Amino acid sequence: WVTRIRTVDEAFTSLDRMLRVACRAPRPAWLD
C-alpha cells in the first residue's frame, strides 16, 4: 500500500484510508 502525501489535508485523508482499508483498523482517536 503506497501513500502519497504533500499537504496536511492529504495526510488526514491518506492516513484515514490507510488505517481503515489497508490495516483493517477502526479510525483512531488521535487522528480526530
Full PDB file with SEQRES, HELIX, SHEET, SSBOND, CRYST1, ORIGX, SCALE, CONECT and MASTER records, all heavy atoms in Angstrom:
SEQRES   1 A   32  TRP VAL THR ARG ILE ARG THR VAL ASP GLU ALA PHE THR          
SEQRES   2 A   32  SER LEU ASP ARG MET LEU ARG VAL ALA CYS ARG ALA PRO          
SEQRES   3 A   32  ARG PRO ALA TRP LEU ASP                                      
HELIX    1 AA1 VAL A    8  ARG A   17  1                                  10    
HELIX    2 AA2 MET A   18  ALA A   22  3                                   5    
CRYST1    1.000    1.000    1.000  90.00  90.00  90.00 P 1           1          
ORIGX1      1.000000  0.000000  0.000000        0.00000                         
ORIGX2      0.000000  1.000000  0.000000        0.00000                         
ORIGX3      0.000000  0.000000  1.000000        0.00000                         
SCALE1      1.000000  0.000000  0.000000        0.00000                         
SCALE2      0.000000  1.000000  0.000000        0.00000                         
SCALE3      0.000000  0.000000  1.000000        0.00000                         
ATOM      1  N   TRP A   1       0.868  -1.191   0.000  1.00  0.00           N  
ATOM      2  CA  TRP A   1       0.000   0.000   0.000  1.00  0.00           C  
ATOM      3  C   TRP A   1       0.898   1.232   0.000  1.00  0.00           C  
ATOM      4  O   TRP A   1       1.690   1.434   0.914  1.00  0.00           O  
ATOM      5  CB  TRP A   1      -0.891   0.009   1.238  1.00  0.00           C  
ATOM      6  CG  TRP A   1      -1.867   1.155   1.311  1.00  0.00           C  
ATOM      7  CD1 TRP A   1      -1.603   2.419   1.738  1.00  0.00           C  
ATOM      8  CD2 TRP A   1      -3.251   1.131   0.953  1.00  0.00           C  
ATOM      9  NE1 TRP A   1      -2.734   3.189   1.678  1.00  0.00           N  
ATOM     10  CE2 TRP A   1      -3.763   2.436   1.197  1.00  0.00           C  
ATOM     11  CE3 TRP A   1      -4.105   0.156   0.457  1.00  0.00           C  
ATOM     12  CZ2 TRP A   1      -5.091   2.768   0.961  1.00  0.00           C  
ATOM     13  CZ3 TRP A   1      -5.430   0.486   0.222  1.00  0.00           C  
ATOM     14  CH2 TRP A   1      -5.920   1.776   0.467  1.00  0.00           C  
ATOM     15  N   VAL A   2       0.775   2.060  -1.039  1.00  0.00           N  
ATOM     16  CA  VAL A   2       1.631   3.230  -1.184  1.00  0.00           C  
ATOM     17  C   VAL A   2       0.838   4.507  -0.913  1.00  0.00           C  
ATOM     18  O   VAL A   2      -0.237   4.714  -1.491  1.00  0.00           O  
ATOM     19  CB  VAL A   2       2.245   3.299  -2.597  1.00  0.00           C  
ATOM     20  CG1 VAL A   2       3.206   4.485  -2.690  1.00  0.00           C  
ATOM     21  CG2 VAL A   2       2.977   2.007  -2.932  1.00  0.00           C  
ATOM     22  N   THR A   3       1.371   5.354  -0.049  1.00  0.00           N  
ATOM     23  CA  THR A   3       0.739   6.633   0.256  1.00  0.00           C  
ATOM     24  C   THR A   3       1.367   7.741  -0.587  1.00  0.00           C  
ATOM     25  O   THR A   3       2.522   7.655  -1.000  1.00  0.00           O  
ATOM     26  CB  THR A   3       0.895   6.992   1.741  1.00  0.00           C  
ATOM     27  OG1 THR A   3       2.291   7.068   2.068  1.00  0.00           O  
ATOM     28  CG2 THR A   3       0.225   5.946   2.624  1.00  0.00           C  
ATOM     29  N   ARG A   4       0.591   8.790  -0.810  1.00  0.00           N  
ATOM     30  CA  ARG A   4       1.088  10.000  -1.463  1.00  0.00           C  
ATOM     31  C   ARG A   4       0.575  11.186  -0.664  1.00  0.00           C  
ATOM     32  O   ARG A   4      -0.632  11.442  -0.638  1.00  0.00           O  
ATOM     33  CB  ARG A   4       0.597  10.108  -2.911  1.00  0.00           C  
ATOM     34  CG  ARG A   4       1.115  11.362  -3.644  1.00  0.00           C  
ATOM     35  CD  ARG A   4       0.428  11.525  -4.982  1.00  0.00           C  
ATOM     36  NE  ARG A   4       0.985  12.614  -5.774  1.00  0.00           N  
ATOM     37  CZ  ARG A   4       0.653  13.910  -5.625  1.00  0.00           C  
ATOM     38  NH1 ARG A   4      -0.239  14.258  -4.700  1.00  0.00           N  
ATOM     39  NH2 ARG A   4       1.203  14.838  -6.379  1.00  0.00           N  
ATOM     40  N   ILE A   5       1.477  11.913  -0.005  1.00  0.00           N  
ATOM     41  CA  ILE A   5       1.077  12.972   0.924  1.00  0.00           C  
ATOM     42  C   ILE A   5       1.929  14.204   0.683  1.00  0.00           C  
ATOM     43  O   ILE A   5       3.143  14.168   0.895  1.00  0.00           O  
ATOM     44  CB  ILE A   5       1.216  12.496   2.384  1.00  0.00           C  
ATOM     45  CG1 ILE A   5       0.269  11.322   2.659  1.00  0.00           C  
ATOM     46  CG2 ILE A   5       0.930  13.649   3.346  1.00  0.00           C  
ATOM     47  CD1 ILE A   5       0.460  10.671   4.010  1.00  0.00           C  
ATOM     48  N   ARG A   6       1.287  15.294   0.256  1.00  0.00           N  
ATOM     49  CA  ARG A   6       2.025  16.539   0.024  1.00  0.00           C  
ATOM     50  C   ARG A   6       1.383  17.747   0.683  1.00  0.00           C  
ATOM     51  O   ARG A   6       1.888  18.859   0.548  1.00  0.00           O  
ATOM     52  CB  ARG A   6       2.176  16.766  -1.486  1.00  0.00           C  
ATOM     53  CG  ARG A   6       2.977  15.660  -2.160  1.00  0.00           C  
ATOM     54  CD  ARG A   6       3.314  15.953  -3.587  1.00  0.00           C  
ATOM     55  NE  ARG A   6       4.074  14.855  -4.175  1.00  0.00           N  
ATOM     56  CZ  ARG A   6       4.576  14.855  -5.399  1.00  0.00           C  
ATOM     57  NH1 ARG A   6       4.393  15.922  -6.181  1.00  0.00           N  
ATOM     58  NH2 ARG A   6       5.258  13.827  -5.865  1.00  0.00           N  
ATOM     59  N   THR A   7       0.266  17.531   1.377  1.00  0.00           N  
ATOM     60  CA  THR A   7      -0.367  18.605   2.136  1.00  0.00           C  
ATOM     61  C   THR A   7      -0.904  18.025   3.446  1.00  0.00           C  
ATOM     62  O   THR A   7      -1.035  16.803   3.604  1.00  0.00           O  
ATOM     63  CB  THR A   7      -1.545  19.248   1.379  1.00  0.00           C  
ATOM     64  OG1 THR A   7      -2.619  18.302   1.284  1.00  0.00           O  
ATOM     65  CG2 THR A   7      -1.136  19.703  -0.025  1.00  0.00           C  
ATOM     66  N   VAL A   8      -1.239  18.901   4.371  1.00  0.00           N  
ATOM     67  CA  VAL A   8      -1.805  18.454   5.641  1.00  0.00           C  
ATOM     68  C   VAL A   8      -3.146  17.757   5.412  1.00  0.00           C  
ATOM     69  O   VAL A   8      -3.411  16.696   5.995  1.00  0.00           O  
ATOM     70  CB  VAL A   8      -1.961  19.647   6.603  1.00  0.00           C  
ATOM     71  CG1 VAL A   8      -2.705  19.226   7.873  1.00  0.00           C  
ATOM     72  CG2 VAL A   8      -0.602  20.228   6.961  1.00  0.00           C  
ATOM     73  N   ASP A   9      -3.977  18.321   4.553  1.00  0.00           N  
ATOM     74  CA  ASP A   9      -5.268  17.693   4.284  1.00  0.00           C  
ATOM     75  C   ASP A   9      -5.100  16.323   3.643  1.00  0.00           C  
ATOM     76  O   ASP A   9      -5.845  15.375   3.951  1.00  0.00           O  
ATOM     77  CB  ASP A   9      -6.124  18.593   3.389  1.00  0.00           C  
ATOM     78  CG  ASP A   9      -6.678  19.806   4.121  1.00  0.00           C  
ATOM     79  OD1 ASP A   9      -6.741  19.760   5.373  1.00  0.00           O  
ATOM     80  OD2 ASP A   9      -7.029  20.797   3.464  1.00  0.00           O  
ATOM     81  N   GLU A  10      -4.137  16.198   2.728  1.00  0.00           N  
ATOM     82  CA  GLU A  10      -3.864  14.890   2.136  1.00  0.00           C  
ATOM     83  C   GLU A  10      -3.407  13.901   3.189  1.00  0.00           C  
ATOM     84  O   GLU A  10      -3.735  12.704   3.110  1.00  0.00           O  
ATOM     85  CB  GLU A  10      -2.803  15.008   1.044  1.00  0.00           C  
ATOM     86  CG  GLU A  10      -3.309  15.554  -0.273  1.00  0.00           C  
ATOM     87  CD  GLU A  10      -2.255  15.576  -1.345  1.00  0.00           C  
ATOM     88  OE1 GLU A  10      -1.069  15.321  -1.046  1.00  0.00           O  
ATOM     89  OE2 GLU A  10      -2.604  15.845  -2.503  1.00  0.00           O  
ATOM     90  N   ALA A  11      -2.666  14.370   4.180  1.00  0.00           N  
ATOM     91  CA  ALA A  11      -2.218  13.485   5.254  1.00  0.00           C  
ATOM     92  C   ALA A  11      -3.411  12.896   6.000  1.00  0.00           C  
ATOM     93  O   ALA A  11      -3.459  11.686   6.261  1.00  0.00           O  
ATOM     94  CB  ALA A  11      -1.315  14.242   6.220  1.00  0.00           C  
ATOM     95  N   PHE A  12      -4.375  13.740   6.336  1.00  0.00           N  
ATOM     96  CA  PHE A  12      -5.533  13.238   7.068  1.00  0.00           C  
ATOM     97  C   PHE A  12      -6.313  12.219   6.246  1.00  0.00           C  
ATOM     98  O   PHE A  12      -6.707  11.161   6.741  1.00  0.00           O  
ATOM     99  CB  PHE A  12      -6.448  14.401   7.455  1.00  0.00           C  
ATOM    100  CG  PHE A  12      -5.830  15.352   8.435  1.00  0.00           C  
ATOM    101  CD1 PHE A  12      -6.034  16.725   8.322  1.00  0.00           C  
ATOM    102  CD2 PHE A  12      -5.045  14.893   9.481  1.00  0.00           C  
ATOM    103  CE1 PHE A  12      -5.466  17.611   9.218  1.00  0.00           C  
ATOM    104  CE2 PHE A  12      -4.471  15.765  10.384  1.00  0.00           C  
ATOM    105  CZ  PHE A  12      -4.684  17.135  10.255  1.00  0.00           C  
ATOM    106  N   THR A  13      -6.535  12.524   4.973  1.00  0.00           N  
ATOM    107  CA  THR A  13      -7.283  11.610   4.110  1.00  0.00           C  
ATOM    108  C   THR A  13      -6.534  10.303   3.901  1.00  0.00           C  
ATOM    109  O   THR A  13      -7.102   9.211   3.987  1.00  0.00           O  
ATOM    110  CB  THR A  13      -7.561  12.266   2.746  1.00  0.00           C  
ATOM    111  OG1 THR A  13      -8.314  13.461   2.946  1.00  0.00           O  
ATOM    112  CG2 THR A  13      -8.330  11.337   1.829  1.00  0.00           C  
ATOM    113  N   SER A  14      -5.231  10.418   3.624  1.00  0.00           N  
ATOM    114  CA  SER A  14      -4.428   9.231   3.354  1.00  0.00           C  
ATOM    115  C   SER A  14      -4.301   8.339   4.579  1.00  0.00           C  
ATOM    116  O   SER A  14      -4.425   7.111   4.481  1.00  0.00           O  
ATOM    117  CB  SER A  14      -3.034   9.653   2.870  1.00  0.00           C  
ATOM    118  OG  SER A  14      -2.233   8.523   2.599  1.00  0.00           O  
ATOM    119  N   LEU A  15      -4.047   8.929   5.746  1.00  0.00           N  
ATOM    120  CA  LEU A  15      -3.918   8.139   6.964  1.00  0.00           C  
ATOM    121  C   LEU A  15      -5.228   7.437   7.313  1.00  0.00           C  
ATOM    122  O   LEU A  15      -5.224   6.274   7.733  1.00  0.00           O  
ATOM    123  CB  LEU A  15      -3.471   9.025   8.121  1.00  0.00           C  
ATOM    124  CG  LEU A  15      -2.022   9.525   8.055  1.00  0.00           C  
ATOM    125  CD1 LEU A  15      -1.782  10.600   9.104  1.00  0.00           C  
ATOM    126  CD2 LEU A  15      -1.045   8.370   8.249  1.00  0.00           C  
ATOM    127  N   ASP A  16      -6.335   8.120   7.137  1.00  0.00           N  
ATOM    128  CA  ASP A  16      -7.640   7.518   7.416  1.00  0.00           C  
ATOM    129  C   ASP A  16      -7.867   6.295   6.529  1.00  0.00           C  
ATOM    130  O   ASP A  16      -8.260   5.220   7.004  1.00  0.00           O  
ATOM    131  CB  ASP A  16      -8.747   8.549   7.188  1.00  0.00           C  
ATOM    132  CG  ASP A  16     -10.129   7.955   7.404  1.00  0.00           C  
ATOM    133  OD1 ASP A  16     -10.488   7.683   8.564  1.00  0.00           O  
ATOM    134  OD2 ASP A  16     -10.859   7.750   6.399  1.00  0.00           O  
ATOM    135  N   ARG A  17      -7.565   6.436   5.225  1.00  0.00           N  
ATOM    136  CA  ARG A  17      -7.760   5.317   4.295  1.00  0.00           C  
ATOM    137  C   ARG A  17      -6.781   4.189   4.598  1.00  0.00           C  
ATOM    138  O   ARG A  17      -7.144   3.006   4.578  1.00  0.00           O  
ATOM    139  CB  ARG A  17      -7.592   5.789   2.852  1.00  0.00           C  
ATOM    140  CG  ARG A  17      -8.687   6.724   2.364  1.00  0.00           C  
ATOM    141  CD  ARG A  17      -8.521   7.027   0.890  1.00  0.00           C  
ATOM    142  NE  ARG A  17      -8.683   5.828   0.082  1.00  0.00           N  
ATOM    143  CZ  ARG A  17      -7.704   5.258  -0.622  1.00  0.00           C  
ATOM    144  NH1 ARG A  17      -6.480   5.757  -0.622  1.00  0.00           N  
ATOM    145  NH2 ARG A  17      -7.944   4.179  -1.336  1.00  0.00           N  
ATOM    146  N   MET A  18      -5.530   4.546   4.841  1.00  0.00           N  
ATOM    147  CA  MET A  18      -4.529   3.512   5.106  1.00  0.00           C  
ATOM    148  C   MET A  18      -4.905   2.672   6.320  1.00  0.00           C  
ATOM    149  O   MET A  18      -4.841   1.429   6.281  1.00  0.00           O  
ATOM    150  CB  MET A  18      -3.165   4.165   5.324  1.00  0.00           C  
ATOM    151  CG  MET A  18      -2.037   3.167   5.559  1.00  0.00           C  
ATOM    152  SD  MET A  18      -0.526   3.957   6.173  1.00  0.00           S  
ATOM    153  CE  MET A  18      -0.959   4.173   7.924  1.00  0.00           C  
ATOM    154  N   LEU A  19      -5.292   3.342   7.404  1.00  0.00           N  
ATOM    155  CA  LEU A  19      -5.595   2.613   8.630  1.00  0.00           C  
ATOM    156  C   LEU A  19      -6.885   1.801   8.513  1.00  0.00           C  
ATOM    157  O   LEU A  19      -6.941   0.648   8.926  1.00  0.00           O  
ATOM    158  CB  LEU A  19      -5.676   3.584   9.809  1.00  0.00           C  
ATOM    159  CG  LEU A  19      -4.335   4.241  10.181  1.00  0.00           C  
ATOM    160  CD1 LEU A  19      -4.553   5.379  11.160  1.00  0.00           C  
ATOM    161  CD2 LEU A  19      -3.375   3.208  10.756  1.00  0.00           C  
ATOM    162  N   ARG A  20      -7.918   2.403   7.919  1.00  0.00           N  
ATOM    163  CA  ARG A  20      -9.195   1.699   7.835  1.00  0.00           C  
ATOM    164  C   ARG A  20      -9.199   0.622   6.750  1.00  0.00           C  
ATOM    165  O   ARG A  20      -9.718  -0.469   6.959  1.00  0.00           O  
ATOM    166  CB  ARG A  20     -10.330   2.698   7.573  1.00  0.00           C  
ATOM    167  CG  ARG A  20     -10.652   3.603   8.745  1.00  0.00           C  
ATOM    168  CD  ARG A  20     -11.930   4.388   8.515  1.00  0.00           C  
ATOM    169  NE  ARG A  20     -11.883   5.190   7.294  1.00  0.00           N  
ATOM    170  CZ  ARG A  20     -12.477   4.855   6.149  1.00  0.00           C  
ATOM    171  NH1 ARG A  20     -13.167   3.726   6.066  1.00  0.00           N  
ATOM    172  NH2 ARG A  20     -12.397   5.645   5.094  1.00  0.00           N  
ATOM    173  N   VAL A  21      -8.624   0.930   5.589  1.00  0.00           N  
ATOM    174  CA  VAL A  21      -8.693  -0.002   4.454  1.00  0.00           C  
ATOM    175  C   VAL A  21      -7.500  -0.950   4.436  1.00  0.00           C  
ATOM    176  O   VAL A  21      -7.666  -2.175   4.394  1.00  0.00           O  
ATOM    177  CB  VAL A  21      -8.777   0.780   3.127  1.00  0.00           C  
ATOM    178  CG1 VAL A  21      -8.840  -0.199   1.948  1.00  0.00           C  
ATOM    179  CG2 VAL A  21      -9.997   1.697   3.120  1.00  0.00           C  
ATOM    180  N   ALA A  22      -6.285  -0.389   4.450  1.00  0.00           N  
ATOM    181  CA  ALA A  22      -5.104  -1.240   4.328  1.00  0.00           C  
ATOM    182  C   ALA A  22      -4.812  -2.045   5.588  1.00  0.00           C  
ATOM    183  O   ALA A  22      -4.337  -3.173   5.513  1.00  0.00           O  
ATOM    184  CB  ALA A  22      -3.885  -0.394   3.973  1.00  0.00           C  
ATOM    185  N   CYS A  23      -5.100  -1.457   6.760  1.00  0.00           N  
ATOM    186  CA  CYS A  23      -4.797  -2.127   8.023  1.00  0.00           C  
ATOM    187  C   CYS A  23      -6.021  -2.748   8.679  1.00  0.00           C  
ATOM    188  O   CYS A  23      -5.897  -3.385   9.735  1.00  0.00           O  
ATOM    189  CB  CYS A  23      -4.132  -1.148   8.992  1.00  0.00           C  
ATOM    190  SG  CYS A  23      -2.591  -0.429   8.377  1.00  0.00           S  
ATOM    191  N   ARG A  24      -7.200  -2.512   8.100  1.00  0.00           N  
ATOM    192  CA  ARG A  24      -8.453  -3.067   8.644  1.00  0.00           C  
ATOM    193  C   ARG A  24      -8.666  -2.652  10.093  1.00  0.00           C  
ATOM    194  O   ARG A  24      -9.119  -3.439  10.939  1.00  0.00           O  
ATOM    195  CB  ARG A  24      -8.455  -4.593   8.545  1.00  0.00           C  
ATOM    196  CG  ARG A  24      -8.158  -5.178   7.184  1.00  0.00           C  
ATOM    197  CD  ARG A  24      -9.166  -4.773   6.135  1.00  0.00           C  
ATOM    198  NE  ARG A  24      -9.063  -5.606   4.940  1.00  0.00           N  
ATOM    199  CZ  ARG A  24      -9.628  -5.306   3.759  1.00  0.00           C  
ATOM    200  NH1 ARG A  24     -10.326  -4.175   3.651  1.00  0.00           N  
ATOM    201  NH2 ARG A  24      -9.507  -6.112   2.738  1.00  0.00           N  
ATOM    202  N   ALA A  25      -8.351  -1.385  10.388  1.00  0.00           N  
ATOM    203  CA  ALA A  25      -8.477  -0.883  11.758  1.00  0.00           C  
ATOM    204  C   ALA A  25      -9.564   0.178  11.838  1.00  0.00           C  
ATOM    205  O   ALA A  25      -9.858   0.857  10.853  1.00  0.00           O  
ATOM    206  CB  ALA A  25      -7.152  -0.280  12.211  1.00  0.00           C  
ATOM    207  N   PRO A  26     -10.181   0.363  12.995  1.00  0.00           N  
ATOM    208  CA  PRO A  26     -11.119   1.475  13.166  1.00  0.00           C  
ATOM    209  C   PRO A  26     -10.358   2.792  13.156  1.00  0.00           C  
ATOM    210  O   PRO A  26      -9.164   2.834  13.484  1.00  0.00           O  
ATOM    211  CB  PRO A  26     -11.760   1.206  14.524  1.00  0.00           C  
ATOM    212  CG  PRO A  26     -10.746   0.377  15.256  1.00  0.00           C  
ATOM    213  CD  PRO A  26     -10.057  -0.459  14.223  1.00  0.00           C  
ATOM    214  N   ARG A  27     -11.036   3.869  12.804  1.00  0.00           N  
ATOM    215  CA  ARG A  27     -10.394   5.177  12.817  1.00  0.00           C  
ATOM    216  C   ARG A  27      -9.963   5.518  14.232  1.00  0.00           C  
ATOM    217  O   ARG A  27     -10.767   5.492  15.169  1.00  0.00           O  
ATOM    218  CB  ARG A  27     -11.367   6.233  12.293  1.00  0.00           C  
ATOM    219  CG  ARG A  27     -10.793   7.664  12.275  1.00  0.00           C  
ATOM    220  CD  ARG A  27     -11.826   8.647  11.771  1.00  0.00           C  
ATOM    221  NE  ARG A  27     -11.415  10.030  11.981  1.00  0.00           N  
ATOM    222  CZ  ARG A  27     -10.729  10.769  11.112  1.00  0.00           C  
ATOM    223  NH1 ARG A  27     -10.406  10.240   9.942  1.00  0.00           N  
ATOM    224  NH2 ARG A  27     -10.395  12.012  11.378  1.00  0.00           N  
ATOM    225  N   PRO A  28      -8.683   5.876  14.439  1.00  0.00           N  
ATOM    226  CA  PRO A  28      -8.192   6.127  15.800  1.00  0.00           C  
ATOM    227  C   PRO A  28      -8.548   7.515  16.303  1.00  0.00           C  
ATOM    228  O   PRO A  28      -8.691   8.470  15.527  1.00  0.00           O  
ATOM    229  CB  PRO A  28      -6.680   5.986  15.645  1.00  0.00           C  
ATOM    230  CG  PRO A  28      -6.417   6.398  14.231  1.00  0.00           C  
ATOM    231  CD  PRO A  28      -7.600   5.925  13.434  1.00  0.00           C  
ATOM    232  N   ALA A  29      -8.634   7.640  17.619  1.00  0.00           N  
ATOM    233  CA  ALA A  29      -8.964   8.929  18.239  1.00  0.00           C  
ATOM    234  C   ALA A  29      -7.871   9.964  17.973  1.00  0.00           C  
ATOM    235  O   ALA A  29      -8.167  11.152  17.832  1.00  0.00           O  
ATOM    236  CB  ALA A  29      -9.169   8.732  19.741  1.00  0.00           C  
ATOM    237  N   TRP A  30      -6.596   9.536  17.887  1.00  0.00           N  
ATOM    238  CA  TRP A  30      -5.520  10.505  17.681  1.00  0.00           C  
ATOM    239  C   TRP A  30      -5.649  11.218  16.339  1.00  0.00           C  
ATOM    240  O   TRP A  30      -5.222  12.367  16.207  1.00  0.00           O  
ATOM    241  CB  TRP A  30      -4.147   9.867  17.822  1.00  0.00           C  
ATOM    242  CG  TRP A  30      -3.777   8.809  16.804  1.00  0.00           C  
ATOM    243  CD1 TRP A  30      -3.792   7.455  16.979  1.00  0.00           C  
ATOM    244  CD2 TRP A  30      -3.325   9.036  15.453  1.00  0.00           C  
ATOM    245  NE1 TRP A  30      -3.378   6.816  15.834  1.00  0.00           N  
ATOM    246  CE2 TRP A  30      -3.075   7.760  14.882  1.00  0.00           C  
ATOM    247  CE3 TRP A  30      -3.095  10.162  14.680  1.00  0.00           C  
ATOM    248  CZ2 TRP A  30      -2.624   7.581  13.576  1.00  0.00           C  
ATOM    249  CZ3 TRP A  30      -2.652  10.005  13.365  1.00  0.00           C  
ATOM    250  CH2 TRP A  30      -2.419   8.740  12.819  1.00  0.00           C  
ATOM    251  N   LEU A  31      -6.257  10.563  15.354  1.00  0.00           N  
ATOM    252  CA  LEU A  31      -6.436  11.208  14.059  1.00  0.00           C  
ATOM    253  C   LEU A  31      -7.491  12.315  14.159  1.00  0.00           C  
ATOM    254  O   LEU A  31      -7.337  13.382  13.548  1.00  0.00           O  
ATOM    255  CB  LEU A  31      -6.829  10.177  13.009  1.00  0.00           C  
ATOM    256  CG  LEU A  31      -6.859  10.642  11.552  1.00  0.00           C  
ATOM    257  CD1 LEU A  31      -5.561  11.319  11.146  1.00  0.00           C  
ATOM    258  CD2 LEU A  31      -7.159   9.464  10.626  1.00  0.00           C  
ATOM    259  N   ASP A  32      -8.534  12.082  14.946  1.00  0.00           N  
ATOM    260  CA  ASP A  32      -9.524  13.138  15.187  1.00  0.00           C  
ATOM    261  C   ASP A  32      -8.879  14.317  15.913  1.00  0.00           C  
ATOM    262  O   ASP A  32      -9.160  15.484  15.591  1.00  0.00           O  
ATOM    263  CB  ASP A  32     -10.689  12.595  16.026  1.00  0.00           C  
ATOM    264  CG  ASP A  32     -11.523  11.572  15.280  1.00  0.00           C  
ATOM    265  OD1 ASP A  32     -11.636  11.680  14.035  1.00  0.00           O  
ATOM    266  OD2 ASP A  32     -12.065  10.656  15.933  1.00  0.00           O  
TER     267      ASP A  32                                                      
MASTER        0    0    0    2    0    0    0    6  266    1    0    3          
END                                                                             
